[in-house]
Amino acid sequence: MTVEALTHDEDTAAEAATTEAATASAQAADAPEVTEPTETTASPASSSDSDEAAPAAEEAPKPKRGRPKAAPASTAKKTRTVELTLTVTGTADGEWQAELKNGSKWVAKGLEIPAAAVSRAAKELHQDLSGPIDEVINQAREAQAAKVAQLEAELEAAKAALAELDV
């Protein structure tokens, strides 16, 4: 086959694919498939060479041209998804609150929850969540321990002042 013949076949196939896409789907199923050869040989064109190459190209499996047909619609049952948003907020003092929203409707707002419950829940959910949350809880614990130490020192000072007044 010559280059002009191959080019003409490709142009004809492209026109056929365009025409086939425009027809109804029932007619498209009955239309013959347009294919192209997978291997072509380029050699000086002589009539005997092109006659020998043509049967070899026809025997090889040929890929389909044009757009692939759409896969049939899935028969799998689609699951209904529910959008729940849980927001957990904490303060530096170690006070934690939770809020739950179902879509755009509030289910619960401002629920106080213990820091230990937040830490356990984060560990259950994922390690990447529990690390940062535990750091915040530990900082709050250290701040509260420092506050206790300060208050104990003030208490001792107040007891000493009271003892001096009782003399």
N, C-alpha and C. Protein backbone atom coordinates (compact mmCIF):
# COMPACT_ATOMS: atom_id res chain seq x y z
N MET A 1 0.85 -1.18 0.00
CA MET A 1 0.00 0.00 0.00
C MET A 1 0.88 1.22 0.00
N THR A 2 0.39 2.25 -0.60
CA THR A 2 1.17 3.48 -0.66
C THR A 2 0.73 4.43 0.44
N VAL A 3 1.51 5.46 0.66
CA VAL A 3 1.21 6.45 1.68
C VAL A 3 -0.10 7.15 1.37
N GLU A 4 -0.34 7.45 0.08
CA GLU A 4 -1.59 8.12 -0.29
C GLU A 4 -2.78 7.23 0.03
N ALA A 5 -2.67 5.93 -0.19
CA ALA A 5 -3.78 5.02 0.09
C ALA A 5 -4.06 4.96 1.58
N LEU A 6 -3.01 4.90 2.39
CA LEU A 6 -3.19 4.87 3.84
C LEU A 6 -3.82 6.16 4.33
N THR A 7 -3.36 7.30 3.82
CA THR A 7 -3.90 8.59 4.22
C THR A 7 -5.36 8.70 3.81
N HIS A 8 -5.69 8.22 2.60
CA HIS A 8 -7.07 8.25 2.13
C HIS A 8 -7.94 7.37 3.02
N ASP A 9 -7.43 6.18 3.40
CA ASP A 9 -8.20 5.29 4.28
C ASP A 9 -8.44 5.93 5.64
N GLU A 10 -7.45 6.63 6.19
CA GLU A 10 -7.61 7.29 7.49
C GLU A 10 -8.62 8.42 7.40
N ASP A 11 -8.57 9.21 6.31
CA ASP A 11 -9.54 10.29 6.13
C ASP A 11 -10.95 9.73 6.00
N THR A 12 -11.10 8.66 5.26
CA THR A 12 -12.40 8.03 5.08
C THR A 12 -12.90 7.47 6.40
N ALA A 13 -11.99 6.87 7.17
CA ALA A 13 -12.37 6.31 8.47
C ALA A 13 -12.79 7.42 9.43
N ALA A 14 -12.11 8.57 9.41
CA ALA A 14 -12.47 9.69 10.29
C ALA A 14 -13.85 10.23 9.92
N GLU A 15 -14.14 10.32 8.62
CA GLU A 15 -15.45 10.78 8.20
C GLU A 15 -16.52 9.78 8.60
N ALA A 16 -16.22 8.50 8.50
CA ALA A 16 -17.18 7.46 8.88
C ALA A 16 -17.44 7.51 10.38
N ALA A 17 -16.40 7.76 11.17
CA ALA A 17 -16.58 7.83 12.63
C ALA A 17 -17.45 9.03 12.99
N THR A 18 -17.26 10.16 12.32
CA THR A 18 -18.07 11.35 12.58
C THR A 18 -19.52 11.10 12.21
N THR A 19 -19.75 10.48 11.08
CA THR A 19 -21.10 10.17 10.63
C THR A 19 -21.74 9.17 11.58
N GLU A 20 -20.99 8.19 12.02
CA GLU A 20 -21.51 7.16 12.93
C GLU A 20 -21.91 7.76 14.26
N ALA A 21 -21.16 8.74 14.77
CA ALA A 21 -21.48 9.38 16.04
C ALA A 21 -22.78 10.16 15.93
N ALA A 22 -23.11 10.66 14.75
CA ALA A 22 -24.31 11.47 14.57
C ALA A 22 -25.57 10.62 14.45
N THR A 23 -25.47 9.36 14.08
CA THR A 23 -26.65 8.51 13.91
C THR A 23 -27.16 8.05 15.25
N ALA A 24 -28.34 7.47 15.25
CA ALA A 24 -28.96 6.98 16.49
C ALA A 24 -28.15 5.84 17.06
N SER A 25 -28.31 5.58 18.37
CA SER A 25 -27.51 4.55 19.04
C SER A 25 -27.84 3.16 18.52
N ALA A 26 -29.06 2.91 18.11
CA ALA A 26 -29.43 1.60 17.58
C ALA A 26 -28.73 1.35 16.26
N GLN A 27 -28.66 2.38 15.43
CA GLN A 27 -27.98 2.24 14.15
C GLN A 27 -26.48 2.12 14.35
N ALA A 28 -25.95 2.77 15.38
CA ALA A 28 -24.52 2.73 15.64
C ALA A 28 -24.08 1.34 16.04
N ALA A 29 -24.95 0.58 16.70
CA ALA A 29 -24.59 -0.77 17.13
C ALA A 29 -24.49 -1.70 15.92
N ASP A 30 -25.29 -1.45 14.88
CA ASP A 30 -25.28 -2.30 13.70
C ASP A 30 -24.19 -1.91 12.71
N ALA A 31 -23.59 -0.74 12.84
CA ALA A 31 -22.59 -0.26 11.89
C ALA A 31 -21.30 -1.06 12.04
N PRO A 32 -20.57 -1.31 10.94
CA PRO A 32 -19.31 -2.05 11.05
C PRO A 32 -18.25 -1.20 11.74
N GLU A 33 -17.35 -1.88 12.45
CA GLU A 33 -16.27 -1.17 13.14
C GLU A 33 -15.18 -0.80 12.16
N VAL A 34 -14.62 0.39 12.31
CA VAL A 34 -13.54 0.86 11.47
C VAL A 34 -12.25 0.60 12.21
N THR A 35 -11.32 -0.07 11.56
CA THR A 35 -10.06 -0.40 12.22
C THR A 35 -8.90 0.07 11.38
N GLU A 36 -7.73 0.10 12.01
CA GLU A 36 -6.52 0.48 11.28
C GLU A 36 -5.46 -0.60 11.53
N PRO A 37 -4.52 -0.76 10.63
CA PRO A 37 -3.50 -1.79 10.83
C PRO A 37 -2.57 -1.41 11.98
N THR A 38 -2.10 -2.45 12.69
CA THR A 38 -1.21 -2.19 13.82
C THR A 38 0.23 -2.01 13.36
N GLU A 39 0.56 -2.59 12.24
CA GLU A 39 1.93 -2.51 11.76
C GLU A 39 1.91 -2.16 10.29
N THR A 40 2.72 -1.21 9.88
CA THR A 40 2.85 -0.90 8.47
C THR A 40 4.32 -0.95 8.11
N THR A 41 4.60 -1.31 6.91
CA THR A 41 5.98 -1.37 6.46
C THR A 41 6.21 -0.27 5.46
N ALA A 42 7.30 0.44 5.63
CA ALA A 42 7.65 1.50 4.70
C ALA A 42 8.80 1.01 3.84
N SER A 43 8.54 0.84 2.58
CA SER A 43 9.58 0.39 1.65
C SER A 43 9.31 1.04 0.31
N PRO A 44 10.27 1.04 -0.54
CA PRO A 44 10.00 1.59 -1.87
C PRO A 44 8.82 0.87 -2.48
N ALA A 45 7.84 1.64 -2.89
CA ALA A 45 6.58 1.06 -3.33
C ALA A 45 6.73 0.40 -4.68
N SER A 46 6.51 -0.88 -4.69
CA SER A 46 6.42 -1.62 -5.94
C SER A 46 5.16 -2.45 -5.83
N SER A 47 4.58 -2.80 -6.91
CA SER A 47 3.29 -3.48 -6.89
C SER A 47 3.39 -4.83 -6.20
N SER A 48 4.49 -5.55 -6.30
CA SER A 48 4.60 -6.86 -5.66
C SER A 48 4.78 -6.71 -4.15
N ASP A 49 5.52 -5.68 -3.69
CA ASP A 49 5.70 -5.47 -2.25
C ASP A 49 4.39 -5.11 -1.58
N SER A 50 3.61 -4.25 -2.19
CA SER A 50 2.36 -3.84 -1.57
C SER A 50 1.35 -4.98 -1.57
N ASP A 51 1.39 -5.88 -2.53
CA ASP A 51 0.49 -7.03 -2.54
C ASP A 51 0.84 -8.00 -1.42
N GLU A 52 2.12 -8.17 -1.11
CA GLU A 52 2.54 -9.09 -0.04
C GLU A 52 2.26 -8.50 1.33
N ALA A 53 2.38 -7.19 1.51
CA ALA A 53 2.18 -6.55 2.81
C ALA A 53 0.70 -6.49 3.18
N ALA A 54 -0.20 -6.42 2.23
CA ALA A 54 -1.62 -6.30 2.51
C ALA A 54 -2.18 -7.50 3.25
N PRO A 55 -1.91 -8.76 2.84
CA PRO A 55 -2.46 -9.89 3.59
C PRO A 55 -1.88 -9.98 5.01
N ALA A 56 -0.61 -9.64 5.18
CA ALA A 56 0.01 -9.71 6.51
C ALA A 56 -0.65 -8.70 7.44
N ALA A 57 -0.98 -7.52 6.94
CA ALA A 57 -1.60 -6.49 7.77
C ALA A 57 -3.04 -6.88 8.12
N GLU A 58 -3.74 -7.57 7.24
CA GLU A 58 -5.12 -7.96 7.49
C GLU A 58 -5.20 -9.09 8.51
N GLU A 59 -4.20 -9.93 8.62
CA GLU A 59 -4.21 -11.06 9.54
C GLU A 59 -3.99 -10.61 10.98
N ALA A 60 -3.20 -9.54 11.19
CA ALA A 60 -2.91 -9.07 12.53
C ALA A 60 -4.16 -8.46 13.15
N PRO A 61 -4.36 -8.63 14.48
CA PRO A 61 -5.53 -8.02 15.12
C PRO A 61 -5.44 -6.50 15.04
N LYS A 62 -6.54 -5.87 14.78
CA LYS A 62 -6.55 -4.43 14.56
C LYS A 62 -7.29 -3.75 15.71
N PRO A 63 -6.70 -2.67 16.27
CA PRO A 63 -7.39 -1.95 17.35
C PRO A 63 -8.54 -1.13 16.79
N LYS A 64 -9.51 -0.85 17.65
CA LYS A 64 -10.68 -0.07 17.24
C LYS A 64 -10.32 1.40 17.17
N ARG A 65 -10.92 2.09 16.23
CA ARG A 65 -10.70 3.53 16.08
C ARG A 65 -11.86 4.29 16.67
N GLY A 66 -11.64 5.56 16.90
CA GLY A 66 -12.70 6.42 17.39
C GLY A 66 -12.80 6.37 18.91
N ARG A 67 -13.82 7.02 19.42
CA ARG A 67 -14.03 7.05 20.86
C ARG A 67 -14.55 5.71 21.35
N PRO A 68 -14.05 5.28 22.52
CA PRO A 68 -14.60 4.02 23.05
C PRO A 68 -16.05 4.24 23.49
N LYS A 69 -16.83 3.19 23.37
CA LYS A 69 -18.23 3.30 23.75
C LYS A 69 -18.33 3.39 25.26
N ALA A 70 -19.32 4.11 25.74
CA ALA A 70 -19.50 4.30 27.17
C ALA A 70 -19.84 2.96 27.82
N ALA A 71 -19.29 2.74 29.01
CA ALA A 71 -19.58 1.52 29.74
C ALA A 71 -21.03 1.58 30.20
N PRO A 72 -21.65 0.41 30.33
CA PRO A 72 -23.04 0.42 30.79
C PRO A 72 -23.13 0.98 32.20
N ALA A 73 -24.25 1.60 32.51
CA ALA A 73 -24.43 2.21 33.82
C ALA A 73 -24.32 1.15 34.90
N SER A 74 -23.72 1.52 36.00
CA SER A 74 -23.52 0.58 37.09
C SER A 74 -24.86 0.21 37.71
N THR A 75 -25.01 -1.07 38.01
CA THR A 75 -26.22 -1.53 38.66
C THR A 75 -26.05 -1.61 40.17
N ALA A 76 -24.86 -1.21 40.65
CA ALA A 76 -24.60 -1.25 42.09
C ALA A 76 -25.48 -0.23 42.80
N LYS A 77 -25.95 -0.61 43.97
CA LYS A 77 -26.80 0.28 44.75
C LYS A 77 -25.95 1.42 45.32
N LYS A 78 -26.38 2.62 45.08
CA LYS A 78 -25.65 3.78 45.58
C LYS A 78 -26.03 3.98 47.04
N THR A 79 -25.01 4.16 47.87
CA THR A 79 -25.27 4.34 49.29
C THR A 79 -25.52 5.81 49.58
N ARG A 80 -26.40 6.05 50.51
CA ARG A 80 -26.73 7.42 50.91
C ARG A 80 -25.68 7.87 51.91
N THR A 81 -25.11 9.01 51.67
CA THR A 81 -24.11 9.53 52.59
C THR A 81 -24.75 10.54 53.52
N VAL A 82 -24.26 10.57 54.75
CA VAL A 82 -24.76 11.50 55.75
C VAL A 82 -23.61 12.40 56.13
N GLU A 83 -23.86 13.68 56.12
CA GLU A 83 -22.83 14.65 56.46
C GLU A 83 -23.00 15.06 57.92
N LEU A 84 -22.10 14.59 58.77
CA LEU A 84 -22.06 14.97 60.17
C LEU A 84 -20.75 15.70 60.41
N THR A 85 -20.84 16.85 61.06
CA THR A 85 -19.65 17.62 61.36
C THR A 85 -19.51 17.71 62.87
N LEU A 86 -18.43 17.14 63.40
CA LEU A 86 -18.13 17.20 64.82
C LEU A 86 -16.98 18.17 65.01
N THR A 87 -17.21 19.19 65.81
CA THR A 87 -16.18 20.18 66.08
C THR A 87 -15.84 20.11 67.55
N VAL A 88 -14.57 19.87 67.83
CA VAL A 88 -14.09 19.81 69.21
C VAL A 88 -13.13 20.97 69.40
N THR A 89 -13.41 21.82 70.40
CA THR A 89 -12.55 22.96 70.66
C THR A 89 -12.07 22.90 72.10
N GLY A 90 -10.84 23.36 72.29
CA GLY A 90 -10.27 23.36 73.62
C GLY A 90 -9.62 24.69 73.93
N THR A 91 -9.46 24.96 75.23
CA THR A 91 -8.80 26.20 75.66
C THR A 91 -7.46 25.85 76.28
N ALA A 92 -6.66 26.86 76.52
CA ALA A 92 -5.36 26.65 77.15
C ALA A 92 -5.53 26.18 78.60
N ASP A 93 -6.68 26.42 79.19
CA ASP A 93 -6.95 25.98 80.56
C ASP A 93 -7.36 24.52 80.62
N GLY A 94 -7.54 23.86 79.46
CA GLY A 94 -7.91 22.44 79.44
C GLY A 94 -9.40 22.20 79.39
N GLU A 95 -10.19 23.21 79.10
CA GLU A 95 -11.63 23.04 78.97
C GLU A 95 -11.95 22.71 77.51
N TRP A 96 -12.73 21.64 77.31
CA TRP A 96 -13.05 21.18 75.96
C TRP A 96 -14.55 21.20 75.76
N GLN A 97 -14.96 21.55 74.53
CA GLN A 97 -16.36 21.57 74.16
C GLN A 97 -16.53 20.87 72.82
N ALA A 98 -17.71 20.29 72.60
CA ALA A 98 -18.02 19.62 71.34
C ALA A 98 -19.31 20.18 70.77
N GLU A 99 -19.36 20.24 69.45
CA GLU A 99 -20.56 20.66 68.73
C GLU A 99 -20.77 19.69 67.58
N LEU A 100 -22.01 19.32 67.34
CA LEU A 100 -22.34 18.37 66.28
C LEU A 100 -23.38 18.98 65.37
N LYS A 101 -23.12 18.87 64.07
CA LYS A 101 -24.00 19.44 63.06
C LYS A 101 -24.35 18.35 62.05
N ASN A 102 -25.62 18.20 61.74
CA ASN A 102 -26.09 17.25 60.73
C ASN A 102 -26.52 18.06 59.51
N GLY A 103 -25.63 18.11 58.50
CA GLY A 103 -25.88 18.97 57.34
C GLY A 103 -25.77 20.42 57.78
N SER A 104 -26.89 21.15 57.76
CA SER A 104 -26.88 22.54 58.21
C SER A 104 -27.64 22.70 59.53
N LYS A 105 -28.12 21.60 60.10
CA LYS A 105 -28.90 21.65 61.33
C LYS A 105 -28.01 21.27 62.52
N TRP A 106 -28.05 22.09 63.57
CA TRP A 106 -27.28 21.82 64.78
C TRP A 106 -27.96 20.72 65.58
N VAL A 107 -27.19 19.69 65.94
CA VAL A 107 -27.70 18.62 66.78
C VAL A 107 -27.37 18.92 68.24
N ALA A 108 -26.14 19.34 68.49
CA ALA A 108 -25.70 19.68 69.84
C ALA A 108 -24.69 20.81 69.75
N LYS A 109 -24.77 21.71 70.74
CA LYS A 109 -23.86 22.85 70.76
C LYS A 109 -23.34 23.05 72.18
N GLY A 110 -22.04 23.35 72.31
CA GLY A 110 -21.47 23.73 73.59
C GLY A 110 -21.46 22.65 74.65
N LEU A 111 -21.35 21.39 74.26
CA LEU A 111 -21.29 20.31 75.24
C LEU A 111 -19.90 20.25 75.85
N GLU A 112 -19.83 20.31 77.18
CA GLU A 112 -18.53 20.21 77.85
C GLU A 112 -18.12 18.75 77.91
N ILE A 113 -16.87 18.49 77.54
CA ILE A 113 -16.35 17.12 77.58
C ILE A 113 -14.99 17.13 78.26
N PRO A 114 -14.64 16.05 78.96
CA PRO A 114 -13.35 16.01 79.64
C PRO A 114 -12.19 15.84 78.66
N ALA A 115 -11.03 16.37 79.04
CA ALA A 115 -9.84 16.29 78.19
C ALA A 115 -9.42 14.84 77.98
N ALA A 116 -9.60 14.00 78.98
CA ALA A 116 -9.24 12.59 78.84
C ALA A 116 -10.07 11.91 77.75
N ALA A 117 -11.34 12.28 77.64
CA ALA A 117 -12.21 11.71 76.60
C ALA A 117 -11.76 12.17 75.22
N VAL A 118 -11.34 13.43 75.12
CA VAL A 118 -10.83 13.94 73.84
C VAL A 118 -9.58 13.18 73.44
N SER A 119 -8.68 12.97 74.41
CA SER A 119 -7.44 12.26 74.12
C SER A 119 -7.72 10.82 73.68
N ARG A 120 -8.61 10.12 74.38
CA ARG A 120 -8.95 8.74 74.01
C ARG A 120 -9.57 8.67 72.62
N ALA A 121 -10.49 9.58 72.35
CA ALA A 121 -11.16 9.59 71.05
C ALA A 121 -10.16 9.85 69.93
N ALA A 122 -9.25 10.77 70.14
CA ALA A 122 -8.25 11.08 69.10
C ALA A 122 -7.35 9.88 68.85
N LYS A 123 -6.97 9.17 69.91
CA LYS A 123 -6.14 7.97 69.74
C LYS A 123 -6.88 6.90 68.96
N GLU A 124 -8.18 6.79 69.19
CA GLU A 124 -8.98 5.80 68.47
C GLU A 124 -9.13 6.16 67.00
N LEU A 125 -9.22 7.45 66.71
CA LEU A 125 -9.43 7.87 65.33
C LEU A 125 -8.18 7.71 64.49
N HIS A 126 -7.07 8.33 64.90
CA HIS A 126 -5.85 8.25 64.10
C HIS A 126 -4.68 8.81 64.88
N GLN A 127 -3.50 8.24 64.67
CA GLN A 127 -2.29 8.69 65.36
C GLN A 127 -1.94 10.13 65.02
N ASP A 128 -2.18 10.53 63.78
CA ASP A 128 -1.88 11.91 63.38
C ASP A 128 -2.75 12.92 64.12
N LEU A 129 -3.92 12.50 64.58
CA LEU A 129 -4.79 13.39 65.34
C LEU A 129 -4.39 13.43 66.82
N SER A 130 -4.01 12.28 67.34
CA SER A 130 -3.75 12.21 68.78
C SER A 130 -2.49 12.95 69.19
N GLY A 131 -1.48 13.01 68.35
CA GLY A 131 -0.23 13.70 68.69
C GLY A 131 -0.44 15.18 69.01
N PRO A 132 -0.97 15.96 68.10
CA PRO A 132 -1.18 17.39 68.38
C PRO A 132 -2.16 17.64 69.53
N ILE A 133 -3.20 16.82 69.64
CA ILE A 133 -4.17 17.01 70.72
C ILE A 133 -3.53 16.73 72.07
N ASP A 134 -2.73 15.65 72.15
CA ASP A 134 -2.04 15.34 73.41
C ASP A 134 -1.06 16.44 73.80
N GLU A 135 -0.41 17.07 72.81
CA GLU A 135 0.50 18.19 73.12
C GLU A 135 -0.27 19.35 73.76
N VAL A 136 -1.44 19.66 73.22
CA VAL A 136 -2.25 20.74 73.78
C VAL A 136 -2.71 20.38 75.19
N ILE A 137 -3.11 19.14 75.38
CA ILE A 137 -3.57 18.70 76.71
C ILE A 137 -2.41 18.74 77.70
N ASN A 138 -1.22 18.31 77.30
CA ASN A 138 -0.05 18.35 78.19
C ASN A 138 0.32 19.78 78.56
N GLN A 139 0.25 20.70 77.62
CA GLN A 139 0.53 22.11 77.92
C GLN A 139 -0.48 22.65 78.93
N ALA A 140 -1.75 22.29 78.76
CA ALA A 140 -2.78 22.73 79.72
C ALA A 140 -2.53 22.11 81.08
N ARG A 141 -2.09 20.84 81.12
CA ARG A 141 -1.79 20.18 82.38
C ARG A 141 -0.63 20.89 83.10
N GLU A 142 0.42 21.23 82.35
CA GLU A 142 1.56 21.93 82.94
C GLU A 142 1.15 23.31 83.45
N ALA A 143 0.30 24.01 82.71
CA ALA A 143 -0.16 25.32 83.15
C ALA A 143 -0.98 25.20 84.43
N GLN A 144 -1.83 24.17 84.49
CA GLN A 144 -2.64 23.98 85.70
C GLN A 144 -1.76 23.58 86.89
N ALA A 145 -0.73 22.77 86.66
CA ALA A 145 0.19 22.38 87.74
C ALA A 145 0.94 23.61 88.26
N ALA A 146 1.34 24.50 87.38
CA ALA A 146 2.01 25.73 87.80
C ALA A 146 1.05 26.61 88.60
N LYS A 147 -0.20 26.66 88.18
CA LYS A 147 -1.20 27.45 88.90
C LYS A 147 -1.45 26.87 90.29
N VAL A 148 -1.50 25.54 90.41
CA VAL A 148 -1.66 24.88 91.71
C VAL A 148 -0.49 25.20 92.62
N ALA A 149 0.72 25.13 92.08
CA ALA A 149 1.92 25.43 92.89
C ALA A 149 1.87 26.88 93.38
N GLN A 150 1.45 27.79 92.52
CA GLN A 150 1.36 29.20 92.90
C GLN A 150 0.31 29.39 94.00
N LEU A 151 -0.84 28.75 93.83
CA LEU A 151 -1.91 28.88 94.82
C LEU A 151 -1.51 28.24 96.16
N GLU A 152 -0.77 27.13 96.11
CA GLU A 152 -0.29 26.50 97.36
C GLU A 152 0.68 27.43 98.08
N ALA A 153 1.54 28.10 97.32
CA ALA A 153 2.48 29.05 97.93
C ALA A 153 1.71 30.20 98.57
N GLU A 154 0.68 30.70 97.89
CA GLU A 154 -0.14 31.78 98.45
C GLU A 154 -0.88 31.30 99.70
N LEU A 155 -1.36 30.05 99.68
CA LEU A 155 -2.05 29.49 100.84
C LEU A 155 -1.12 29.39 102.04
N GLU A 156 0.10 28.94 101.83
CA GLU A 156 1.09 28.85 102.92
C GLU A 156 1.40 30.25 103.47
N ALA A 157 1.50 31.23 102.59
CA ALA A 157 1.77 32.60 103.03
C ALA A 157 0.59 33.14 103.84
N ALA A 158 -0.65 32.82 103.41
CA ALA A 158 -1.83 33.27 104.14
C ALA A 158 -1.93 32.58 105.48
N LYS A 159 -1.58 31.30 105.57
CA LYS A 159 -1.59 30.58 106.84
C LYS A 159 -0.57 31.17 107.80
N ALA A 160 0.59 31.52 107.28
CA ALA A 160 1.64 32.11 108.13
C ALA A 160 1.18 33.46 108.64
N ALA A 161 0.53 34.25 107.80
CA ALA A 161 0.03 35.58 108.22
C ALA A 161 -1.04 35.44 109.26
N LEU A 162 -1.90 34.42 109.13
CA LEU A 162 -2.95 34.16 110.10
C LEU A 162 -2.38 33.72 111.45
N ALA A 163 -1.34 32.92 111.37
CA ALA A 163 -0.70 32.45 112.60
C ALA A 163 -0.07 33.61 113.37
N GLU A 164 0.47 34.58 112.72
CA GLU A 164 1.08 35.74 113.37
C GLU A 164 0.01 36.60 114.05
N LEU A 165 -1.17 36.64 113.45
CA LEU A 165 -2.26 37.44 114.04
C LEU A 165 -2.86 36.78 115.27
N ASP A 166 -2.75 35.49 115.41
CA ASP A 166 -3.33 34.76 116.54
C ASP A 166 -2.45 34.83 117.78
N VAL A 167 -1.32 35.31 117.71
CA VAL A 167 -0.40 35.31 118.86
C VAL A 167 -0.90 36.13 119.97
